[in-house]
Amino acid sequence: MRLIVLLSLLLAAPFAGTGLAQGDYPSKPIRMVVGFPPGGGNDILARLLSAKLQEAWGQPVVVENRPGAASNIATEYVAKAVPDGYTLLFNAAGMVINPALFASIPFDPVRDFEPVSQLATFPFVLVVHPSVAARTVKELVQLAKSQPGKLNYGAGAAAFQLAAELFKQQAGINLNHVPYKGSVQAISGVLANEVQLTFVDSLPVIPHIKSGRLRGLAVTPGKRTSSLPELPTMKEAGLPEYELAGWAGLFAPARTPKAVVSRLHQQSVKIVQMPDIRARMLAMGAEPTGTTPEELTALMKLQVEKWKTVARNANIKAQ
């Protein structure tokens, strides 16, 4: 009998921690890690989500910014975190783009994470400094061709760099790449005329377009956005093959208990469908979504290969 009891305890031991995590989650503060500085689109969305999660669960949900290396620093940090649901990653399409831009990254975007949900999609916007003698994409292309190598673009993330490189490729122009730590810094670079243009997510740039401090030329998805209805798509502006859209989602480290992932998914999707959150997101140019973990996994697998093809066609060498 003593042997049977001992064997039962040994067999139950590996599952004890998992059962506790599932049954009591969340029982302590949660960290939501963002790979970019405060103020950018991902940071804004993460803070909207974290505030509502904290309100629903009565536990602190703290947004922690760990910028650098095109969000690789934050992504690696969460990939190596304890898989208990208390360290999460709020990230964008950059995590599936980075394998195309870096010769080596210390994580696998698909293998090392449990996707919770894609929570929003949003357009990228092509903006220029008001001093740039171009009010349309066509005029910008003509200007770049008349001054080869003279115009500089800023990029605060891998997705924005590829958006600009795809523009260069399809328009047949040459622009110089200037990297920034995040979209807010890239926008500041254009405002200061350090660089003449950038592709950036719509959330942080809309106020500058509305105020006239920056000039919006086009949006990147296949249809116009309700937050900037006056701007044409890149297709409408003369590049018929150009179509891109950003997205953001929530992730847990691989091997996080399925019940914890499920609870995170259910609550996160509920939040982005709340009328007040939907209204705020739409006003910022973000479209609330709320996919299943399986749908986000499938999207990531497809986009890892897609972006490798885009980088290869744009002659971008992995660094």
C-alpha atoms as a PDB file:
ATOM      1  CA  MET A   1       0.000   0.000   0.000  1.00  0.00           C
ATOM      2  CA  ARG A   2       2.828   2.408   0.845  1.00  0.00           C
ATOM      3  CA  LEU A   3       4.360   1.665  -2.544  1.00  0.00           C
ATOM      4  CA  ILE A   4       1.064   2.391  -4.325  1.00  0.00           C
ATOM      5  CA  VAL A   5       0.675   5.695  -2.478  1.00  0.00           C
ATOM      6  CA  LEU A   6       4.258   6.679  -3.321  1.00  0.00           C
ATOM      7  CA  LEU A   7       3.778   5.856  -7.009  1.00  0.00           C
ATOM      8  CA  SER A   8       0.533   7.848  -7.072  1.00  0.00           C
ATOM      9  CA  LEU A   9       2.292  10.895  -5.624  1.00  0.00           C
ATOM     10  CA  LEU A  10       5.138  10.607  -8.102  1.00  0.00           C
ATOM     11  CA  LEU A  11       2.737  10.358 -11.040  1.00  0.00           C
ATOM     12  CA  ALA A  12       0.723  13.337  -9.809  1.00  0.00           C
ATOM     13  CA  ALA A  13       3.731  15.570  -9.115  1.00  0.00           C
ATOM     14  CA  PRO A  14       4.414  16.714 -12.704  1.00  0.00           C
ATOM     15  CA  PHE A  15       0.833  17.964 -13.008  1.00  0.00           C
ATOM     16  CA  ALA A  16       0.535  19.723  -9.663  1.00  0.00           C
ATOM     17  CA  GLY A  17       1.986  23.035 -10.793  1.00  0.00           C
ATOM     18  CA  THR A  18      -0.052  22.992 -14.007  1.00  0.00           C
ATOM     19  CA  GLY A  19      -3.280  22.378 -12.139  1.00  0.00           C
ATOM     20  CA  LEU A  20      -2.534  25.252  -9.793  1.00  0.00           C
ATOM     21  CA  ALA A  21      -1.760  27.586 -12.674  1.00  0.00           C
ATOM     22  CA  GLN A  22      -4.996  26.682 -14.432  1.00  0.00           C
ATOM     23  CA  GLY A  23      -7.253  26.783 -11.398  1.00  0.00           C
ATOM     24  CA  ASP A  24      -5.969  29.947  -9.759  1.00  0.00           C
ATOM     25  CA  TYR A  25      -4.906  32.009 -12.773  1.00  0.00           C
ATOM     26  CA  PRO A  26      -4.306  34.850 -12.375  1.00  0.00           C
ATOM     27  CA  SER A  27      -3.294  34.941  -8.717  1.00  0.00           C
ATOM     28  CA  LYS A  28      -0.490  37.514  -9.003  1.00  0.00           C
ATOM     29  CA  PRO A  29       0.586  40.447 -11.232  1.00  0.00           C
ATOM     30  CA  ILE A  30       1.021  39.866 -14.982  1.00  0.00           C
ATOM     31  CA  ARG A  31       3.727  41.475 -17.098  1.00  0.00           C
ATOM     32  CA  MET A  32       2.864  42.335 -20.702  1.00  0.00           C
ATOM     33  CA  VAL A  33       6.102  42.940 -22.585  1.00  0.00           C
ATOM     34  CA  VAL A  34       6.225  45.282 -25.602  1.00  0.00           C
ATOM     35  CA  GLY A  35       9.257  45.362 -27.891  1.00  0.00           C
ATOM     36  CA  PHE A  36       9.069  49.071 -28.691  1.00  0.00           C
ATOM     37  CA  PRO A  37       9.317  52.366 -26.775  1.00  0.00           C
ATOM     38  CA  PRO A  38       6.186  53.932 -25.248  1.00  0.00           C
ATOM     39  CA  GLY A  39       3.813  55.816 -27.520  1.00  0.00           C
ATOM     40  CA  GLY A  40       3.830  53.598 -30.604  1.00  0.00           C
ATOM     41  CA  GLY A  41       0.902  51.602 -31.948  1.00  0.00           C
ATOM     42  CA  ASN A  42       1.750  48.359 -30.149  1.00  0.00           C
ATOM     43  CA  ASP A  43       2.305  50.172 -26.876  1.00  0.00           C
ATOM     44  CA  ILE A  44      -1.027  52.012 -27.167  1.00  0.00           C
ATOM     45  CA  LEU A  45      -2.961  48.818 -27.885  1.00  0.00           C
ATOM     46  CA  ALA A  46      -1.142  46.895 -25.142  1.00  0.00           C
ATOM     47  CA  ARG A  47      -2.093  49.536 -22.581  1.00  0.00           C
ATOM     48  CA  LEU A  48      -5.743  49.464 -23.642  1.00  0.00           C
ATOM     49  CA  LEU A  49      -5.775  45.685 -23.238  1.00  0.00           C
ATOM     50  CA  SER A  50      -3.822  45.597 -19.982  1.00  0.00           C
ATOM     51  CA  ALA A  51      -6.112  48.128 -18.300  1.00  0.00           C
ATOM     52  CA  LYS A  52      -9.194  46.075 -19.149  1.00  0.00           C
ATOM     53  CA  LEU A  53      -7.573  42.791 -18.096  1.00  0.00           C
ATOM     54  CA  GLN A  54      -6.658  44.353 -14.751  1.00  0.00           C
ATOM     55  CA  GLU A  55     -10.204  45.630 -14.356  1.00  0.00           C
ATOM     56  CA  ALA A  56     -11.689  42.197 -15.147  1.00  0.00           C
ATOM     57  CA  TRP A  57      -9.351  40.073 -13.039  1.00  0.00           C
ATOM     58  CA  GLY A  58      -8.433  42.353 -10.135  1.00  0.00           C
ATOM     59  CA  GLN A  59      -4.717  41.699 -10.615  1.00  0.00           C
ATOM     60  CA  PRO A  60      -2.153  44.273 -11.817  1.00  0.00           C
ATOM     61  CA  VAL A  61      -1.285  43.911 -15.526  1.00  0.00           C
ATOM     62  CA  VAL A  62       1.857  45.958 -16.104  1.00  0.00           C
ATOM     63  CA  VAL A  63       3.098  46.930 -19.562  1.00  0.00           C
ATOM     64  CA  GLU A  64       6.886  46.622 -19.703  1.00  0.00           C
ATOM     65  CA  ASN A  65       8.709  48.205 -22.662  1.00  0.00           C
ATOM     66  CA  ARG A  66      11.866  46.367 -23.769  1.00  0.00           C
ATOM     67  CA  PRO A  67      12.798  48.047 -27.058  1.00  0.00           C
ATOM     68  CA  GLY A  68      15.696  47.147 -29.299  1.00  0.00           C
ATOM     69  CA  ALA A  69      16.770  44.924 -32.201  1.00  0.00           C
ATOM     70  CA  ALA A  70      13.449  45.316 -34.026  1.00  0.00           C
ATOM     71  CA  SER A  71      11.584  43.806 -31.032  1.00  0.00           C
ATOM     72  CA  ASN A  72      13.924  40.780 -30.873  1.00  0.00           C
ATOM     73  CA  ILE A  73      15.037  41.652 -27.332  1.00  0.00           C
ATOM     74  CA  ALA A  74      11.511  41.567 -25.955  1.00  0.00           C
ATOM     75  CA  THR A  75      10.537  38.532 -28.012  1.00  0.00           C
ATOM     76  CA  GLU A  76      13.532  36.517 -26.802  1.00  0.00           C
ATOM     77  CA  TYR A  77      12.862  37.579 -23.209  1.00  0.00           C
ATOM     78  CA  VAL A  78       9.310  36.226 -23.281  1.00  0.00           C
ATOM     79  CA  ALA A  79      10.304  33.112 -25.227  1.00  0.00           C
ATOM     80  CA  LYS A  80      12.621  32.186 -22.334  1.00  0.00           C
ATOM     81  CA  ALA A  81      10.225  33.177 -19.550  1.00  0.00           C
ATOM     82  CA  VAL A  82       8.537  30.685 -17.244  1.00  0.00           C
ATOM     83  CA  PRO A  83       5.482  29.380 -19.166  1.00  0.00           C
ATOM     84  CA  ASP A  84       2.922  30.119 -16.477  1.00  0.00           C
ATOM     85  CA  GLY A  85       0.917  32.951 -18.064  1.00  0.00           C
ATOM     86  CA  TYR A  86       2.456  35.719 -15.962  1.00  0.00           C
ATOM     87  CA  THR A  87       4.881  36.965 -18.623  1.00  0.00           C
ATOM     88  CA  LEU A  88       3.190  37.743 -21.935  1.00  0.00           C
ATOM     89  CA  LEU A  89       4.255  39.322 -25.200  1.00  0.00           C
ATOM     90  CA  PHE A  90       2.227  41.924 -27.058  1.00  0.00           C
ATOM     91  CA  ASN A  91       3.819  42.043 -30.469  1.00  0.00           C
ATOM     92  CA  ALA A  92       3.217  42.797 -34.114  1.00  0.00           C
ATOM     93  CA  ALA A  93       3.940  41.214 -37.463  1.00  0.00           C
ATOM     94  CA  GLY A  94       7.603  42.047 -36.895  1.00  0.00           C
ATOM     95  CA  MET A  95       8.121  38.772 -35.043  1.00  0.00           C
ATOM     96  CA  VAL A  96       7.398  36.838 -38.259  1.00  0.00           C
ATOM     97  CA  ILE A  97       9.260  39.365 -40.415  1.00  0.00           C
ATOM     98  CA  ASN A  98      12.513  39.321 -38.465  1.00  0.00           C
ATOM     99  CA  PRO A  99      13.585  35.863 -39.702  1.00  0.00           C
ATOM    100  CA  ALA A 100      13.810  37.458 -43.156  1.00  0.00           C
ATOM    101  CA  LEU A 101      15.974  40.351 -41.947  1.00  0.00           C
ATOM    102  CA  PHE A 102      18.289  38.740 -39.391  1.00  0.00           C
ATOM    103  CA  ALA A 103      20.760  36.007 -40.225  1.00  0.00           C
ATOM    104  CA  SER A 104      20.248  34.568 -36.750  1.00  0.00           C
ATOM    105  CA  ILE A 105      17.595  35.201 -34.113  1.00  0.00           C
ATOM    106  CA  PRO A 106      17.497  33.541 -30.663  1.00  0.00           C
ATOM    107  CA  PHE A 107      13.914  32.293 -30.970  1.00  0.00           C
ATOM    108  CA  ASP A 108      11.510  30.668 -33.391  1.00  0.00           C
ATOM    109  CA  PRO A 109       8.377  32.820 -33.759  1.00  0.00           C
ATOM    110  CA  VAL A 110       6.158  29.782 -34.240  1.00  0.00           C
ATOM    111  CA  ARG A 111       7.797  27.063 -32.111  1.00  0.00           C
ATOM    112  CA  ASP A 112       8.617  29.164 -29.029  1.00  0.00           C
ATOM    113  CA  PHE A 113       5.200  30.728 -28.399  1.00  0.00           C
ATOM    114  CA  GLU A 114       1.604  29.907 -27.633  1.00  0.00           C
ATOM    115  CA  PRO A 115      -0.413  32.401 -29.705  1.00  0.00           C
ATOM    116  CA  VAL A 116      -3.367  33.776 -27.760  1.00  0.00           C
ATOM    117  CA  SER A 117      -5.087  35.926 -30.403  1.00  0.00           C
ATOM    118  CA  GLN A 118      -4.527  38.420 -33.167  1.00  0.00           C
ATOM    119  CA  LEU A 119      -6.353  41.388 -31.675  1.00  0.00           C
ATOM    120  CA  ALA A 120      -6.067  44.119 -34.296  1.00  0.00           C
ATOM    121  CA  THR A 121      -5.081  44.906 -37.837  1.00  0.00           C
ATOM    122  CA  PHE A 122      -4.047  48.377 -38.942  1.00  0.00           C
ATOM    123  CA  PRO A 123      -2.774  50.177 -42.020  1.00  0.00           C
ATOM    124  CA  PHE A 124       0.692  51.514 -42.553  1.00  0.00           C
ATOM    125  CA  VAL A 125       0.804  55.106 -43.749  1.00  0.00           C
ATOM    126  CA  LEU A 126       3.347  56.716 -46.064  1.00  0.00           C
ATOM    127  CA  VAL A 127       4.098  60.194 -44.694  1.00  0.00           C
ATOM    128  CA  VAL A 128       6.568  62.889 -45.735  1.00  0.00           C
ATOM    129  CA  HIS A 129       7.877  66.087 -44.200  1.00  0.00           C
ATOM    130  CA  PRO A 130       5.869  69.110 -45.441  1.00  0.00           C
ATOM    131  CA  SER A 131       8.990  70.525 -47.098  1.00  0.00           C
ATOM    132  CA  VAL A 132       9.149  67.563 -49.491  1.00  0.00           C
ATOM    133  CA  ALA A 133       7.978  68.727 -52.916  1.00  0.00           C
ATOM    134  CA  ALA A 134       5.480  65.895 -53.347  1.00  0.00           C
ATOM    135  CA  ARG A 135       1.783  65.815 -52.593  1.00  0.00           C
ATOM    136  CA  THR A 136       1.119  62.426 -54.163  1.00  0.00           C
ATOM    137  CA  VAL A 137       2.906  59.104 -54.400  1.00  0.00           C
ATOM    138  CA  LYS A 138       3.439  59.717 -58.108  1.00  0.00           C
ATOM    139  CA  GLU A 139       5.143  63.047 -57.371  1.00  0.00           C
ATOM    140  CA  LEU A 140       7.302  61.414 -54.689  1.00  0.00           C
ATOM    141  CA  VAL A 141       8.425  58.758 -57.165  1.00  0.00           C
ATOM    142  CA  GLN A 142       9.267  61.433 -59.725  1.00  0.00           C
ATOM    143  CA  LEU A 143      11.200  63.412 -57.102  1.00  0.00           C
ATOM    144  CA  ALA A 144      13.165  60.337 -56.020  1.00  0.00           C
ATOM    145  CA  LYS A 145      14.037  59.527 -59.625  1.00  0.00           C
ATOM    146  CA  SER A 146      15.218  63.093 -60.237  1.00  0.00           C
ATOM    147  CA  GLN A 147      17.395  62.977 -57.090  1.00  0.00           C
ATOM    148  CA  PRO A 148      18.619  59.371 -56.816  1.00  0.00           C
ATOM    149  CA  GLY A 149      19.980  58.531 -53.376  1.00  0.00           C
ATOM    150  CA  LYS A 150      19.122  61.935 -51.898  1.00  0.00           C
ATOM    151  CA  LEU A 151      15.941  61.034 -50.010  1.00  0.00           C
ATOM    152  CA  ASN A 152      16.100  59.197 -46.668  1.00  0.00           C
ATOM    153  CA  TYR A 153      13.420  57.115 -45.028  1.00  0.00           C
ATOM    154  CA  GLY A 154      13.188  56.220 -41.365  1.00  0.00           C
ATOM    155  CA  ALA A 155      12.019  52.825 -40.139  1.00  0.00           C
ATOM    156  CA  GLY A 156      11.119  52.083 -36.532  1.00  0.00           C
ATOM    157  CA  ALA A 157      10.503  48.359 -37.052  1.00  0.00           C
ATOM    158  CA  ALA A 158      11.219  45.559 -39.475  1.00  0.00           C
ATOM    159  CA  ALA A 159       7.732  45.743 -40.990  1.00  0.00           C
ATOM    160  CA  PHE A 160       8.177  49.409 -41.856  1.00  0.00           C
ATOM    161  CA  GLN A 161      11.556  48.759 -43.426  1.00  0.00           C
ATOM    162  CA  LEU A 162      10.092  46.062 -45.648  1.00  0.00           C
ATOM    163  CA  ALA A 163       7.171  48.333 -46.515  1.00  0.00           C
ATOM    164  CA  ALA A 164       9.644  50.978 -47.714  1.00  0.00           C
ATOM    165  CA  GLU A 165      11.834  48.460 -49.519  1.00  0.00           C
ATOM    166  CA  LEU A 166       8.816  47.050 -51.325  1.00  0.00           C
ATOM    167  CA  PHE A 167       7.907  50.614 -52.327  1.00  0.00           C
ATOM    168  CA  LYS A 168      11.425  51.151 -53.661  1.00  0.00           C
ATOM    169  CA  GLN A 169      11.288  47.917 -55.608  1.00  0.00           C
ATOM    170  CA  GLN A 170       7.891  48.496 -57.200  1.00  0.00           C
ATOM    171  CA  ALA A 171       8.479  52.180 -57.925  1.00  0.00           C
ATOM    172  CA  GLY A 172      12.012  51.655 -59.242  1.00  0.00           C
ATOM    173  CA  ILE A 173      13.583  54.276 -56.968  1.00  0.00           C
ATOM    174  CA  ASN A 174      16.464  54.538 -54.510  1.00  0.00           C
ATOM    175  CA  LEU A 175      15.940  55.662 -50.898  1.00  0.00           C
ATOM    176  CA  ASN A 176      18.411  55.520 -48.013  1.00  0.00           C
ATOM    177  CA  HIS A 177      17.386  53.564 -44.916  1.00  0.00           C
ATOM    178  CA  VAL A 178      17.850  55.167 -41.478  1.00  0.00           C
ATOM    179  CA  PRO A 179      16.902  52.848 -38.577  1.00  0.00           C
ATOM    180  CA  TYR A 180      15.076  54.065 -35.451  1.00  0.00           C
ATOM    181  CA  LYS A 181      14.206  52.278 -32.207  1.00  0.00           C
ATOM    182  CA  GLY A 182      10.463  52.596 -32.739  1.00  0.00           C
ATOM    183  CA  SER A 183       7.704  54.281 -34.697  1.00  0.00           C
ATOM    184  CA  VAL A 184       7.547  57.298 -32.381  1.00  0.00           C
ATOM    185  CA  GLN A 185      11.265  57.934 -32.946  1.00  0.00           C
ATOM    186  CA  ALA A 186      10.882  57.510 -36.714  1.00  0.00           C
ATOM    187  CA  ILE A 187       7.986  59.976 -36.721  1.00  0.00           C
ATOM    188  CA  SER A 188      10.125  62.423 -34.719  1.00  0.00           C
ATOM    189  CA  GLY A 189      12.846  61.978 -37.332  1.00  0.00           C
ATOM    190  CA  VAL A 190      10.481  63.044 -40.094  1.00  0.00           C
ATOM    191  CA  LEU A 191       9.081  65.917 -38.015  1.00  0.00           C
ATOM    192  CA  ALA A 192      12.650  67.196 -37.551  1.00  0.00           C
ATOM    193  CA  ASN A 193      13.424  66.586 -41.240  1.00  0.00           C
ATOM    194  CA  GLU A 194      16.261  64.238 -40.270  1.00  0.00           C
ATOM    195  CA  VAL A 195      14.636  61.876 -42.755  1.00  0.00           C
ATOM    196  CA  GLN A 196      12.167  62.909 -45.410  1.00  0.00           C
ATOM    197  CA  LEU A 197       9.640  60.096 -45.174  1.00  0.00           C
ATOM    198  CA  THR A 198       8.579  56.977 -43.348  1.00  0.00           C
ATOM    199  CA  PHE A 199       6.104  54.138 -43.430  1.00  0.00           C
ATOM    200  CA  VAL A 200       4.518  53.834 -40.011  1.00  0.00           C
ATOM    201  CA  ASP A 201       1.464  52.392 -38.302  1.00  0.00           C
ATOM    202  CA  SER A 202      -1.501  54.722 -38.340  1.00  0.00           C
ATOM    203  CA  LEU A 203      -2.096  54.915 -34.575  1.00  0.00           C
ATOM    204  CA  PRO A 204       0.649  57.381 -33.541  1.00  0.00           C
ATOM    205  CA  VAL A 205       0.820  59.361 -36.795  1.00  0.00           C
ATOM    206  CA  ILE A 206      -2.810  60.422 -37.308  1.00  0.00           C
ATOM    207  CA  PRO A 207      -2.586  63.523 -35.024  1.00  0.00           C
ATOM    208  CA  HIS A 208       0.444  64.805 -36.967  1.00  0.00           C
ATOM    209  CA  ILE A 209      -1.357  64.370 -40.290  1.00  0.00           C
ATOM    210  CA  LYS A 210      -4.478  66.098 -38.969  1.00  0.00           C
ATOM    211  CA  SER A 211      -2.398  69.015 -37.653  1.00  0.00           C
ATOM    212  CA  GLY A 212      -0.479  69.410 -40.909  1.00  0.00           C
ATOM    213  CA  ARG A 213       2.920  68.733 -39.332  1.00  0.00           C
ATOM    214  CA  LEU A 214       3.250  65.715 -41.616  1.00  0.00           C
ATOM    215  CA  ARG A 215       1.770  65.061 -45.047  1.00  0.00           C
ATOM    216  CA  GLY A 216       0.099  61.714 -45.593  1.00  0.00           C
ATOM    217  CA  LEU A 217       0.379  60.355 -49.122  1.00  0.00           C
ATOM    218  CA  ALA A 218      -1.174  56.879 -49.016  1.00  0.00           C
ATOM    219  CA  VAL A 219      -2.151  53.869 -46.911  1.00  0.00           C
ATOM    220  CA  THR A 220      -0.861  50.381 -47.586  1.00  0.00           C
ATOM    221  CA  PRO A 221      -3.869  47.981 -47.329  1.00  0.00           C
ATOM    222  CA  GLY A 222      -6.125  47.096 -50.242  1.00  0.00           C
ATOM    223  CA  LYS A 223      -8.856  49.481 -49.111  1.00  0.00           C
ATOM    224  CA  ARG A 224      -8.962  52.954 -47.603  1.00  0.00           C
ATOM    225  CA  THR A 225      -9.087  53.365 -43.843  1.00  0.00           C
ATOM    226  CA  SER A 226     -11.972  55.112 -42.071  1.00  0.00           C
ATOM    227  CA  SER A 227      -9.570  57.068 -39.865  1.00  0.00           C
ATOM    228  CA  LEU A 228      -7.841  58.647 -42.891  1.00  0.00           C
ATOM    229  CA  PRO A 229     -10.454  58.379 -45.657  1.00  0.00           C
ATOM    230  CA  GLU A 230      -8.859  61.127 -47.730  1.00  0.00           C
ATOM    231  CA  LEU A 231      -5.691  59.106 -48.336  1.00  0.00           C
ATOM    232  CA  PRO A 232      -5.626  56.751 -51.326  1.00  0.00           C
ATOM    233  CA  THR A 233      -4.314  53.226 -51.154  1.00  0.00           C
ATOM    234  CA  MET A 234      -0.913  52.544 -52.693  1.00  0.00           C
ATOM    235  CA  LYS A 235      -2.784  50.699 -55.437  1.00  0.00           C
ATOM    236  CA  GLU A 236      -4.928  53.746 -56.171  1.00  0.00           C
ATOM    237  CA  ALA A 237      -1.795  55.912 -56.071  1.00  0.00           C
ATOM    238  CA  GLY A 238      -0.218  54.036 -58.969  1.00  0.00           C
ATOM    239  CA  LEU A 239       1.369  50.856 -57.574  1.00  0.00           C
ATOM    240  CA  PRO A 240      -1.161  48.139 -58.494  1.00  0.00           C
ATOM    241  CA  GLU A 241       0.761  45.287 -56.845  1.00  0.00           C
ATOM    242  CA  TYR A 242       1.324  47.029 -53.502  1.00  0.00           C
ATOM    243  CA  GLU A 243      -0.741  45.815 -50.543  1.00  0.00           C
ATOM    244  CA  LEU A 244       0.342  45.431 -46.909  1.00  0.00           C
ATOM    245  CA  ALA A 245      -1.360  45.557 -43.525  1.00  0.00           C
ATOM    246  CA  GLY A 246      -0.010  45.385 -40.007  1.00  0.00           C
ATOM    247  CA  TRP A 247      -1.367  43.354 -37.124  1.00  0.00           C
ATOM    248  CA  ALA A 248      -0.830  42.961 -33.393  1.00  0.00           C
ATOM    249  CA  GLY A 249      -1.490  40.074 -31.075  1.00  0.00           C
ATOM    250  CA  LEU A 250      -0.938  38.529 -27.672  1.00  0.00           C
ATOM    251  CA  PHE A 251       1.432  35.620 -27.023  1.00  0.00           C
ATOM    252  CA  ALA A 252       2.518  33.407 -24.129  1.00  0.00           C
ATOM    253  CA  PRO A 253       5.690  31.314 -23.961  1.00  0.00           C
ATOM    254  CA  ALA A 254       5.505  27.832 -25.435  1.00  0.00           C
ATOM    255  CA  ARG A 255       4.220  25.167 -23.026  1.00  0.00           C
ATOM    256  CA  THR A 256       1.994  27.601 -21.153  1.00  0.00           C
ATOM    257  CA  PRO A 257      -0.964  25.521 -19.891  1.00  0.00           C
ATOM    258  CA  LYS A 258      -3.761  25.358 -22.459  1.00  0.00           C
ATOM    259  CA  ALA A 259      -6.352  26.387 -19.870  1.00  0.00           C
ATOM    260  CA  VAL A 260      -4.384  29.576 -19.162  1.00  0.00           C
ATOM    261  CA  VAL A 261      -4.070  30.349 -22.885  1.00  0.00           C
ATOM    262  CA  SER A 262      -7.800  29.721 -23.274  1.00  0.00           C
ATOM    263  CA  ARG A 263      -8.666  32.102 -20.442  1.00  0.00           C
ATOM    264  CA  LEU A 264      -6.374  34.780 -21.875  1.00  0.00           C
ATOM    265  CA  HIS A 265      -7.941  34.293 -25.297  1.00  0.00           C
ATOM    266  CA  GLN A 266     -11.537  34.497 -24.098  1.00  0.00           C
ATOM    267  CA  GLN A 267     -10.963  37.637 -22.039  1.00  0.00           C
ATOM    268  CA  SER A 268      -8.814  39.401 -24.663  1.00  0.00           C
ATOM    269  CA  VAL A 269     -11.333  38.817 -27.452  1.00  0.00           C
ATOM    270  CA  LYS A 270     -14.119  39.997 -25.139  1.00  0.00           C
ATOM    271  CA  ILE A 271     -12.162  43.207 -24.486  1.00  0.00           C
ATOM    272  CA  VAL A 272     -11.534  44.160 -28.127  1.00  0.00           C
ATOM    273  CA  GLN A 273     -15.253  43.709 -28.820  1.00  0.00           C
ATOM    274  CA  MET A 274     -16.283  46.100 -26.019  1.00  0.00           C
ATOM    275  CA  PRO A 275     -17.980  49.159 -27.559  1.00  0.00           C
ATOM    276  CA  ASP A 276     -15.661  51.674 -25.873  1.00  0.00           C
ATOM    277  CA  ILE A 277     -12.504  49.793 -26.852  1.00  0.00           C
ATOM    278  CA  ARG A 278     -13.740  49.231 -30.424  1.00  0.00           C
ATOM    279  CA  ALA A 279     -14.502  52.935 -30.749  1.00  0.00           C
ATOM    280  CA  ARG A 280     -11.051  53.949 -29.499  1.00  0.00           C
ATOM    281  CA  MET A 281      -9.290  51.450 -31.734  1.00  0.00           C
ATOM    282  CA  LEU A 282     -11.244  52.454 -34.837  1.00  0.00           C
ATOM    283  CA  ALA A 283     -10.557  56.144 -34.140  1.00  0.00           C
ATOM    284  CA  MET A 284      -6.833  55.309 -34.135  1.00  0.00           C
ATOM    285  CA  GLY A 285      -7.065  53.389 -37.393  1.00  0.00           C
ATOM    286  CA  ALA A 286      -6.951  49.902 -35.861  1.00  0.00           C
ATOM    287  CA  GLU A 287      -9.550  47.284 -36.783  1.00  0.00           C
ATOM    288  CA  PRO A 288     -10.475  45.009 -33.841  1.00  0.00           C
ATOM    289  CA  THR A 289     -10.252  41.330 -34.767  1.00  0.00           C
ATOM    290  CA  GLY A 290      -9.946  38.575 -32.136  1.00  0.00           C
ATOM    291  CA  THR A 291      -8.846  35.387 -33.862  1.00  0.00           C
ATOM    292  CA  THR A 292      -8.443  31.969 -32.303  1.00  0.00           C
ATOM    293  CA  PRO A 293      -4.977  30.724 -31.285  1.00  0.00           C
ATOM    294  CA  GLU A 294      -5.120  28.264 -34.175  1.00  0.00           C
ATOM    295  CA  GLU A 295      -5.915  30.987 -36.699  1.00  0.00           C
ATOM    296  CA  LEU A 296      -3.028  33.116 -35.474  1.00  0.00           C
ATOM    297  CA  THR A 297      -0.656  30.150 -35.665  1.00  0.00           C
ATOM    298  CA  ALA A 298      -1.673  29.498 -39.274  1.00  0.00           C
ATOM    299  CA  LEU A 299      -1.231  33.176 -40.153  1.00  0.00           C
ATOM    300  CA  MET A 300       2.236  33.261 -38.621  1.00  0.00           C
ATOM    301  CA  LYS A 301       3.386  30.193 -40.538  1.00  0.00           C
ATOM    302  CA  LEU A 302       2.210  31.715 -43.810  1.00  0.00           C
ATOM    303  CA  GLN A 303       3.746  35.107 -43.120  1.00  0.00           C
ATOM    304  CA  VAL A 304       7.172  33.790 -42.131  1.00  0.00           C
ATOM    305  CA  GLU A 305       7.500  32.443 -45.672  1.00  0.00           C
ATOM    306  CA  LYS A 306       5.803  35.440 -47.288  1.00  0.00           C
ATOM    307  CA  TRP A 307       8.171  37.960 -45.751  1.00  0.00           C
ATOM    308  CA  LYS A 308      11.211  35.892 -46.646  1.00  0.00           C
ATOM    309  CA  THR A 309      10.017  36.074 -50.254  1.00  0.00           C
ATOM    310  CA  VAL A 310       9.433  39.840 -50.028  1.00  0.00           C
ATOM    311  CA  ALA A 311      12.912  40.376 -48.562  1.00  0.00           C
ATOM    312  CA  ARG A 312      14.488  38.176 -51.205  1.00  0.00           C
ATOM    313  CA  ASN A 313      12.674  39.974 -54.039  1.00  0.00           C
ATOM    314  CA  ALA A 314      13.674  43.340 -52.563  1.00  0.00           C
ATOM    315  CA  ASN A 315      17.314  42.187 -52.371  1.00  0.00           C
ATOM    316  CA  ILE A 316      17.455  42.726 -48.612  1.00  0.00           C
ATOM    317  CA  LYS A 317      20.347  40.806 -47.121  1.00  0.00           C
ATOM    318  CA  ALA A 318      19.916  39.276 -43.673  1.00  0.00           C
ATOM    319  CA  GLN A 319      22.058  41.109 -41.131  1.00  0.00           C
END
